[in-house]
Amino acid sequence: LYERRIIEARARSVDLSVSEYLREIGITG
């Protein structure tokens, strides 16, 4: 739950959905 909240907060901070955020991190790093 802690990791999920961090991921969601970081996605929100860069104005992306969680899906877009994880996809971008996974592809480009």
Full PDB file with SEQRES, HELIX, SHEET, SSBOND, CRYST1, ORIGX, SCALE, CONECT and MASTER records, all heavy atoms in Angstrom:
SEQRES   1 A   29  LEU TYR GLU ARG ARG ILE ILE GLU ALA ARG ALA ARG SER          
SEQRES   2 A   29  VAL ASP LEU SER VAL SER GLU TYR LEU ARG GLU ILE GLY          
SEQRES   3 A   29  ILE THR GLY                                                  
HELIX    1 AA1 TYR A    2  SER A   13  1                                  12    
HELIX    2 AA2 VAL A   18  THR A   28  1                                  11    
CRYST1    1.000    1.000    1.000  90.00  90.00  90.00 P 1           1          
ORIGX1      1.000000  0.000000  0.000000        0.00000                         
ORIGX2      0.000000  1.000000  0.000000        0.00000                         
ORIGX3      0.000000  0.000000  1.000000        0.00000                         
SCALE1      1.000000  0.000000  0.000000        0.00000                         
SCALE2      0.000000  1.000000  0.000000        0.00000                         
SCALE3      0.000000  0.000000  1.000000        0.00000                         
ATOM      1  N   LEU A   1       0.835  -1.197   0.000  1.00  0.00           N  
ATOM      2  CA  LEU A   1       0.000   0.000   0.000  1.00  0.00           C  
ATOM      3  C   LEU A   1       0.872   1.251   0.000  1.00  0.00           C  
ATOM      4  O   LEU A   1       0.580   2.225  -0.705  1.00  0.00           O  
ATOM      5  CB  LEU A   1      -0.938  -0.003   1.215  1.00  0.00           C  
ATOM      6  CG  LEU A   1      -1.861   1.195   1.354  1.00  0.00           C  
ATOM      7  CD1 LEU A   1      -2.782   1.304   0.141  1.00  0.00           C  
ATOM      8  CD2 LEU A   1      -2.678   1.084   2.629  1.00  0.00           C  
ATOM      9  N   TYR A   2       1.956   1.220   0.751  1.00  0.00           N  
ATOM     10  CA  TYR A   2       2.891   2.340   0.811  1.00  0.00           C  
ATOM     11  C   TYR A   2       3.485   2.625  -0.572  1.00  0.00           C  
ATOM     12  O   TYR A   2       3.522   3.771  -1.021  1.00  0.00           O  
ATOM     13  CB  TYR A   2       3.994   2.023   1.828  1.00  0.00           C  
ATOM     14  CG  TYR A   2       5.068   3.075   1.918  1.00  0.00           C  
ATOM     15  CD1 TYR A   2       4.811   4.295   2.524  1.00  0.00           C  
ATOM     16  CD2 TYR A   2       6.332   2.836   1.389  1.00  0.00           C  
ATOM     17  CE1 TYR A   2       5.801   5.260   2.608  1.00  0.00           C  
ATOM     18  CE2 TYR A   2       7.328   3.797   1.473  1.00  0.00           C  
ATOM     19  CZ  TYR A   2       7.055   5.017   2.078  1.00  0.00           C  
ATOM     20  OH  TYR A   2       8.019   5.972   2.143  1.00  0.00           O  
ATOM     21  N   GLU A   3       3.940   1.568  -1.263  1.00  0.00           N  
ATOM     22  CA  GLU A   3       4.514   1.737  -2.604  1.00  0.00           C  
ATOM     23  C   GLU A   3       3.463   2.262  -3.586  1.00  0.00           C  
ATOM     24  O   GLU A   3       3.764   3.119  -4.426  1.00  0.00           O  
ATOM     25  CB  GLU A   3       5.069   0.403  -3.100  1.00  0.00           C  
ATOM     26  CG  GLU A   3       6.288  -0.077  -2.336  1.00  0.00           C  
ATOM     27  CD  GLU A   3       6.645  -1.523  -2.652  1.00  0.00           C  
ATOM     28  OE1 GLU A   3       5.741  -2.314  -2.987  1.00  0.00           O  
ATOM     29  OE2 GLU A   3       7.841  -1.842  -2.573  1.00  0.00           O  
ATOM     30  N   ARG A   4       2.256   1.766  -3.461  1.00  0.00           N  
ATOM     31  CA  ARG A   4       1.176   2.218  -4.356  1.00  0.00           C  
ATOM     32  C   ARG A   4       0.933   3.720  -4.195  1.00  0.00           C  
ATOM     33  O   ARG A   4       0.799   4.450  -5.161  1.00  0.00           O  
ATOM     34  CB  ARG A   4      -0.101   1.437  -4.051  1.00  0.00           C  
ATOM     35  CG  ARG A   4      -1.266   1.884  -4.903  1.00  0.00           C  
ATOM     36  CD  ARG A   4      -2.548   1.186  -4.526  1.00  0.00           C  
ATOM     37  NE  ARG A   4      -3.619   1.645  -5.376  1.00  0.00           N  
ATOM     38  CZ  ARG A   4      -4.500   0.857  -5.956  1.00  0.00           C  
ATOM     39  NH1 ARG A   4      -4.460  -0.438  -5.761  1.00  0.00           N  
ATOM     40  NH2 ARG A   4      -5.439   1.362  -6.711  1.00  0.00           N  
ATOM     41  N   ARG A   5       0.879   4.160  -2.942  1.00  0.00           N  
ATOM     42  CA  ARG A   5       0.636   5.587  -2.680  1.00  0.00           C  
ATOM     43  C   ARG A   5       1.779   6.443  -3.242  1.00  0.00           C  
ATOM     44  O   ARG A   5       1.544   7.529  -3.769  1.00  0.00           O  
ATOM     45  CB  ARG A   5       0.473   5.816  -1.184  1.00  0.00           C  
ATOM     46  CG  ARG A   5      -0.737   5.115  -0.601  1.00  0.00           C  
ATOM     47  CD  ARG A   5      -1.835   6.090  -0.253  1.00  0.00           C  
ATOM     48  NE  ARG A   5      -3.096   5.424   0.019  1.00  0.00           N  
ATOM     49  CZ  ARG A   5      -3.528   5.071   1.214  1.00  0.00           C  
ATOM     50  NH1 ARG A   5      -2.770   5.305   2.269  1.00  0.00           N  
ATOM     51  NH2 ARG A   5      -4.695   4.505   1.357  1.00  0.00           N  
ATOM     52  N   ILE A   6       3.000   5.961  -3.130  1.00  0.00           N  
ATOM     53  CA  ILE A   6       4.152   6.703  -3.674  1.00  0.00           C  
ATOM     54  C   ILE A   6       4.028   6.797  -5.194  1.00  0.00           C  
ATOM     55  O   ILE A   6       4.216   7.868  -5.778  1.00  0.00           O  
ATOM     56  CB  ILE A   6       5.486   6.036  -3.261  1.00  0.00           C  
ATOM     57  CG1 ILE A   6       5.724   6.217  -1.770  1.00  0.00           C  
ATOM     58  CG2 ILE A   6       6.648   6.607  -4.076  1.00  0.00           C  
ATOM     59  CD1 ILE A   6       6.923   5.461  -1.245  1.00  0.00           C  
ATOM     60  N   ILE A   7       3.729   5.679  -5.848  1.00  0.00           N  
ATOM     61  CA  ILE A   7       3.594   5.663  -7.312  1.00  0.00           C  
ATOM     62  C   ILE A   7       2.484   6.608  -7.756  1.00  0.00           C  
ATOM     63  O   ILE A   7       2.653   7.402  -8.683  1.00  0.00           O  
ATOM     64  CB  ILE A   7       3.347   4.228  -7.828  1.00  0.00           C  
ATOM     65  CG1 ILE A   7       4.592   3.366  -7.623  1.00  0.00           C  
ATOM     66  CG2 ILE A   7       2.929   4.234  -9.287  1.00  0.00           C  
ATOM     67  CD1 ILE A   7       4.365   1.878  -7.847  1.00  0.00           C  
ATOM     68  N   GLU A   8       1.337   6.550  -7.076  1.00  0.00           N  
ATOM     69  CA  GLU A   8       0.210   7.416  -7.435  1.00  0.00           C  
ATOM     70  C   GLU A   8       0.560   8.888  -7.226  1.00  0.00           C  
ATOM     71  O   GLU A   8       0.223   9.738  -8.054  1.00  0.00           O  
ATOM     72  CB  GLU A   8      -1.032   7.043  -6.621  1.00  0.00           C  
ATOM     73  CG  GLU A   8      -1.637   5.720  -7.039  1.00  0.00           C  
ATOM     74  CD  GLU A   8      -2.742   5.235  -6.107  1.00  0.00           C  
ATOM     75  OE1 GLU A   8      -2.854   5.753  -4.967  1.00  0.00           O  
ATOM     76  OE2 GLU A   8      -3.491   4.330  -6.531  1.00  0.00           O  
ATOM     77  N   ALA A   9       1.265   9.197  -6.130  1.00  0.00           N  
ATOM     78  CA  ALA A   9       1.642  10.586  -5.857  1.00  0.00           C  
ATOM     79  C   ALA A   9       2.617  11.106  -6.909  1.00  0.00           C  
ATOM     80  O   ALA A   9       2.493  12.240  -7.375  1.00  0.00           O  
ATOM     81  CB  ALA A   9       2.253  10.696  -4.462  1.00  0.00           C  
ATOM     82  N   ARG A  10       3.586  10.277  -7.281  1.00  0.00           N  
ATOM     83  CA  ARG A  10       4.554  10.703  -8.305  1.00  0.00           C  
ATOM     84  C   ARG A  10       3.889  10.885  -9.664  1.00  0.00           C  
ATOM     85  O   ARG A  10       4.227  11.803 -10.407  1.00  0.00           O  
ATOM     86  CB  ARG A  10       5.700   9.695  -8.398  1.00  0.00           C  
ATOM     87  CG  ARG A  10       6.621   9.772  -7.209  1.00  0.00           C  
ATOM     88  CD  ARG A  10       7.787   8.837  -7.340  1.00  0.00           C  
ATOM     89  NE  ARG A  10       8.648   8.925  -6.166  1.00  0.00           N  
ATOM     90  CZ  ARG A  10       9.663   8.132  -5.940  1.00  0.00           C  
ATOM     91  NH1 ARG A  10       9.966   7.177  -6.796  1.00  0.00           N  
ATOM     92  NH2 ARG A  10      10.388   8.287  -4.857  1.00  0.00           N  
ATOM     93  N   ALA A  11       2.951  10.024  -9.994  1.00  0.00           N  
ATOM     94  CA  ALA A  11       2.218  10.163 -11.258  1.00  0.00           C  
ATOM     95  C   ALA A  11       1.414  11.454 -11.251  1.00  0.00           C  
ATOM     96  O   ALA A  11       1.386  12.198 -12.241  1.00  0.00           O  
ATOM     97  CB  ALA A  11       1.295   8.963 -11.474  1.00  0.00           C  
ATOM     98  N   ARG A  12       0.770  11.746 -10.121  1.00  0.00           N  
ATOM     99  CA  ARG A  12      -0.008  12.979  -9.995  1.00  0.00           C  
ATOM    100  C   ARG A  12       0.902  14.203 -10.096  1.00  0.00           C  
ATOM    101  O   ARG A  12       0.537  15.208 -10.710  1.00  0.00           O  
ATOM    102  CB  ARG A  12      -0.736  12.986  -8.649  1.00  0.00           C  
ATOM    103  CG  ARG A  12      -2.174  13.332  -8.724  1.00  0.00           C  
ATOM    104  CD  ARG A  12      -2.903  13.384  -7.393  1.00  0.00           C  
ATOM    105  NE  ARG A  12      -2.243  12.889  -6.195  1.00  0.00           N  
ATOM    106  CZ  ARG A  12      -2.368  11.665  -5.711  1.00  0.00           C  
ATOM    107  NH1 ARG A  12      -3.130  10.783  -6.317  1.00  0.00           N  
ATOM    108  NH2 ARG A  12      -1.739  11.308  -4.620  1.00  0.00           N  
ATOM    109  N   SER A  13       2.092  14.125  -9.525  1.00  0.00           N  
ATOM    110  CA  SER A  13       3.005  15.279  -9.519  1.00  0.00           C  
ATOM    111  C   SER A  13       3.488  15.643 -10.920  1.00  0.00           C  
ATOM    112  O   SER A  13       3.830  16.793 -11.173  1.00  0.00           O  
ATOM    113  CB  SER A  13       4.202  15.011  -8.612  1.00  0.00           C  
ATOM    114  OG  SER A  13       5.088  14.087  -9.215  1.00  0.00           O  
ATOM    115  N   VAL A  14       3.527  14.673 -11.827  1.00  0.00           N  
ATOM    116  CA  VAL A  14       3.935  14.973 -13.208  1.00  0.00           C  
ATOM    117  C   VAL A  14       2.728  15.005 -14.145  1.00  0.00           C  
ATOM    118  O   VAL A  14       2.873  14.993 -15.362  1.00  0.00           O  
ATOM    119  CB  VAL A  14       5.004  13.977 -13.735  1.00  0.00           C  
ATOM    120  CG1 VAL A  14       6.307  14.181 -13.004  1.00  0.00           C  
ATOM    121  CG2 VAL A  14       4.536  12.553 -13.659  1.00  0.00           C  
ATOM    122  N   ASP A  15       1.527  15.033 -13.548  1.00  0.00           N  
ATOM    123  CA  ASP A  15       0.273  15.175 -14.309  1.00  0.00           C  
ATOM    124  C   ASP A  15       0.071  14.044 -15.315  1.00  0.00           C  
ATOM    125  O   ASP A  15      -0.258  14.274 -16.472  1.00  0.00           O  
ATOM    126  CB  ASP A  15       0.231  16.546 -14.993  1.00  0.00           C  
ATOM    127  CG  ASP A  15      -1.169  16.939 -15.399  1.00  0.00           C  
ATOM    128  OD1 ASP A  15      -2.123  16.458 -14.771  1.00  0.00           O  
ATOM    129  OD2 ASP A  15      -1.314  17.719 -16.359  1.00  0.00           O  
ATOM    130  N   LEU A  16       0.305  12.809 -14.856  1.00  0.00           N  
ATOM    131  CA  LEU A  16       0.086  11.617 -15.674  1.00  0.00           C  
ATOM    132  C   LEU A  16      -0.814  10.650 -14.915  1.00  0.00           C  
ATOM    133  O   LEU A  16      -0.871  10.691 -13.688  1.00  0.00           O  
ATOM    134  CB  LEU A  16       1.407  10.906 -15.988  1.00  0.00           C  
ATOM    135  CG  LEU A  16       2.394  11.590 -16.915  1.00  0.00           C  
ATOM    136  CD1 LEU A  16       3.696  10.803 -16.959  1.00  0.00           C  
ATOM    137  CD2 LEU A  16       1.833  11.734 -18.308  1.00  0.00           C  
ATOM    138  N   SER A  17      -1.480   9.779 -15.654  1.00  0.00           N  
ATOM    139  CA  SER A  17      -2.196   8.685 -14.989  1.00  0.00           C  
ATOM    140  C   SER A  17      -1.146   7.679 -14.526  1.00  0.00           C  
ATOM    141  O   SER A  17      -0.002   7.690 -14.991  1.00  0.00           O  
ATOM    142  CB  SER A  17      -3.175   8.025 -15.955  1.00  0.00           C  
ATOM    143  OG  SER A  17      -2.474   7.322 -16.954  1.00  0.00           O  
ATOM    144  N   VAL A  18      -1.534   6.817 -13.602  1.00  0.00           N  
ATOM    145  CA  VAL A  18      -0.595   5.806 -13.099  1.00  0.00           C  
ATOM    146  C   VAL A  18      -0.124   4.925 -14.255  1.00  0.00           C  
ATOM    147  O   VAL A  18       1.058   4.599 -14.360  1.00  0.00           O  
ATOM    148  CB  VAL A  18      -1.251   4.963 -11.973  1.00  0.00           C  
ATOM    149  CG1 VAL A  18      -0.355   3.796 -11.583  1.00  0.00           C  
ATOM    150  CG2 VAL A  18      -1.547   5.832 -10.769  1.00  0.00           C  
ATOM    151  N   SER A  19      -1.043   4.566 -15.136  1.00  0.00           N  
ATOM    152  CA  SER A  19      -0.692   3.725 -16.274  1.00  0.00           C  
ATOM    153  C   SER A  19       0.342   4.408 -17.169  1.00  0.00           C  
ATOM    154  O   SER A  19       1.347   3.812 -17.549  1.00  0.00           O  
ATOM    155  CB  SER A  19      -1.959   3.404 -17.068  1.00  0.00           C  
ATOM    156  OG  SER A  19      -1.670   2.617 -18.181  1.00  0.00           O  
ATOM    157  N   GLU A  20       0.102   5.680 -17.494  1.00  0.00           N  
ATOM    158  CA  GLU A  20       1.060   6.416 -18.339  1.00  0.00           C  
ATOM    159  C   GLU A  20       2.403   6.567 -17.640  1.00  0.00           C  
ATOM    160  O   GLU A  20       3.459   6.438 -18.261  1.00  0.00           O  
ATOM    161  CB  GLU A  20       0.504   7.805 -18.672  1.00  0.00           C  
ATOM    162  CG  GLU A  20      -0.676   7.793 -19.613  1.00  0.00           C  
ATOM    163  CD  GLU A  20      -1.314   9.164 -19.748  1.00  0.00           C  
ATOM    164  OE1 GLU A  20      -1.437   9.877 -18.737  1.00  0.00           O  
ATOM    165  OE2 GLU A  20      -1.682   9.520 -20.885  1.00  0.00           O  
ATOM    166  N   TYR A  21       2.358   6.849 -16.345  1.00  0.00           N  
ATOM    167  CA  TYR A  21       3.585   7.021 -15.563  1.00  0.00           C  
ATOM    168  C   TYR A  21       4.432   5.752 -15.576  1.00  0.00           C  
ATOM    169  O   TYR A  21       5.620   5.782 -15.888  1.00  0.00           O  
ATOM    170  CB  TYR A  21       3.223   7.420 -14.130  1.00  0.00           C  
ATOM    171  CG  TYR A  21       4.403   7.549 -13.208  1.00  0.00           C  
ATOM    172  CD1 TYR A  21       5.203   8.683 -13.233  1.00  0.00           C  
ATOM    173  CD2 TYR A  21       4.723   6.538 -12.305  1.00  0.00           C  
ATOM    174  CE1 TYR A  21       6.292   8.806 -12.389  1.00  0.00           C  
ATOM    175  CE2 TYR A  21       5.805   6.657 -11.452  1.00  0.00           C  
ATOM    176  CZ  TYR A  21       6.588   7.786 -11.501  1.00  0.00           C  
ATOM    177  OH  TYR A  21       7.667   7.901 -10.672  1.00  0.00           O  
ATOM    178  N   LEU A  22       3.806   4.614 -15.248  1.00  0.00           N  
ATOM    179  CA  LEU A  22       4.555   3.350 -15.211  1.00  0.00           C  
ATOM    180  C   LEU A  22       5.069   2.955 -16.597  1.00  0.00           C  
ATOM    181  O   LEU A  22       6.183   2.445 -16.734  1.00  0.00           O  
ATOM    182  CB  LEU A  22       3.692   2.244 -14.615  1.00  0.00           C  
ATOM    183  CG  LEU A  22       3.377   2.381 -13.123  1.00  0.00           C  
ATOM    184  CD1 LEU A  22       2.400   1.302 -12.687  1.00  0.00           C  
ATOM    185  CD2 LEU A  22       4.646   2.335 -12.291  1.00  0.00           C  
ATOM    186  N   ARG A  23       4.258   3.202 -17.623  1.00  0.00           N  
ATOM    187  CA  ARG A  23       4.684   2.883 -18.989  1.00  0.00           C  
ATOM    188  C   ARG A  23       5.908   3.720 -19.376  1.00  0.00           C  
ATOM    189  O   ARG A  23       6.884   3.208 -19.912  1.00  0.00           O  
ATOM    190  CB  ARG A  23       3.523   3.142 -19.959  1.00  0.00           C  
ATOM    191  CG  ARG A  23       3.755   2.599 -21.338  1.00  0.00           C  
ATOM    192  CD  ARG A  23       2.588   2.822 -22.292  1.00  0.00           C  
ATOM    193  NE  ARG A  23       1.292   2.529 -21.709  1.00  0.00           N  
ATOM    194  CZ  ARG A  23       0.335   3.439 -21.492  1.00  0.00           C  
ATOM    195  NH1 ARG A  23       0.527   4.690 -21.808  1.00  0.00           N  
ATOM    196  NH2 ARG A  23      -0.816   3.092 -20.968  1.00  0.00           N  
ATOM    197  N   GLU A  24       5.869   5.001 -19.060  1.00  0.00           N  
ATOM    198  CA  GLU A  24       6.982   5.898 -19.400  1.00  0.00           C  
ATOM    199  C   GLU A  24       8.252   5.527 -18.639  1.00  0.00           C  
ATOM    200  O   GLU A  24       9.336   5.474 -19.211  1.00  0.00           O  
ATOM    201  CB  GLU A  24       6.571   7.345 -19.095  1.00  0.00           C  
ATOM    202  CG  GLU A  24       7.510   8.383 -19.625  1.00  0.00           C  
ATOM    203  CD  GLU A  24       7.497   8.512 -21.132  1.00  0.00           C  
ATOM    204  OE1 GLU A  24       6.484   8.161 -21.769  1.00  0.00           O  
ATOM    205  OE2 GLU A  24       8.521   8.960 -21.688  1.00  0.00           O  
ATOM    206  N   ILE A  25       8.113   5.241 -17.351  1.00  0.00           N  
ATOM    207  CA  ILE A  25       9.276   4.831 -16.544  1.00  0.00           C  
ATOM    208  C   ILE A  25       9.841   3.521 -17.075  1.00  0.00           C  
ATOM    209  O   ILE A  25      11.055   3.348 -17.189  1.00  0.00           O  
ATOM    210  CB  ILE A  25       8.869   4.670 -15.058  1.00  0.00           C  
ATOM    211  CG1 ILE A  25       8.697   6.016 -14.393  1.00  0.00           C  
ATOM    212  CG2 ILE A  25       9.877   3.843 -14.287  1.00  0.00           C  
ATOM    213  CD1 ILE A  25       9.972   6.755 -14.113  1.00  0.00           C  
ATOM    214  N   GLY A  26       8.973   2.591 -17.413  1.00  0.00           N  
ATOM    215  CA  GLY A  26       9.432   1.278 -17.882  1.00  0.00           C  
ATOM    216  C   GLY A  26      10.120   1.343 -19.235  1.00  0.00           C  
ATOM    217  O   GLY A  26      11.080   0.619 -19.482  1.00  0.00           O  
ATOM    218  N   ILE A  27       9.654   2.212 -20.113  1.00  0.00           N  
ATOM    219  CA  ILE A  27      10.216   2.276 -21.465  1.00  0.00           C  
ATOM    220  C   ILE A  27      11.449   3.168 -21.526  1.00  0.00           C  
ATOM    221  O   ILE A  27      12.481   2.782 -22.069  1.00  0.00           O  
ATOM    222  CB  ILE A  27       9.148   2.758 -22.473  1.00  0.00           C  
ATOM    223  CG1 ILE A  27       8.052   1.690 -22.590  1.00  0.00           C  
ATOM    224  CG2 ILE A  27       9.757   3.052 -23.833  1.00  0.00           C  
ATOM    225  CD1 ILE A  27       6.856   2.134 -23.399  1.00  0.00           C  
ATOM    226  N   THR A  28      11.371   4.374 -20.962  1.00  0.00           N  
ATOM    227  CA  THR A  28      12.483   5.325 -21.101  1.00  0.00           C  
ATOM    228  C   THR A  28      13.347   5.418 -19.858  1.00  0.00           C  
ATOM    229  O   THR A  28      14.471   5.895 -19.931  1.00  0.00           O  
ATOM    230  CB  THR A  28      11.956   6.737 -21.434  1.00  0.00           C  
ATOM    231  OG1 THR A  28      11.176   7.215 -20.338  1.00  0.00           O  
ATOM    232  CG2 THR A  28      11.141   6.736 -22.701  1.00  0.00           C  
ATOM    233  N   GLY A  29      12.810   5.009 -18.715  1.00  0.00           N  
ATOM    234  CA  GLY A  29      13.581   5.087 -17.480  1.00  0.00           C  
ATOM    235  C   GLY A  29      13.551   6.461 -16.838  1.00  0.00           C  
ATOM    236  O   GLY A  29      14.174   6.677 -15.809  1.00  0.00           O  
TER     237      GLY A  29                                                      
MASTER        0    0    0    2    0    0    0    6  236    1    0    3          
END                                                                             
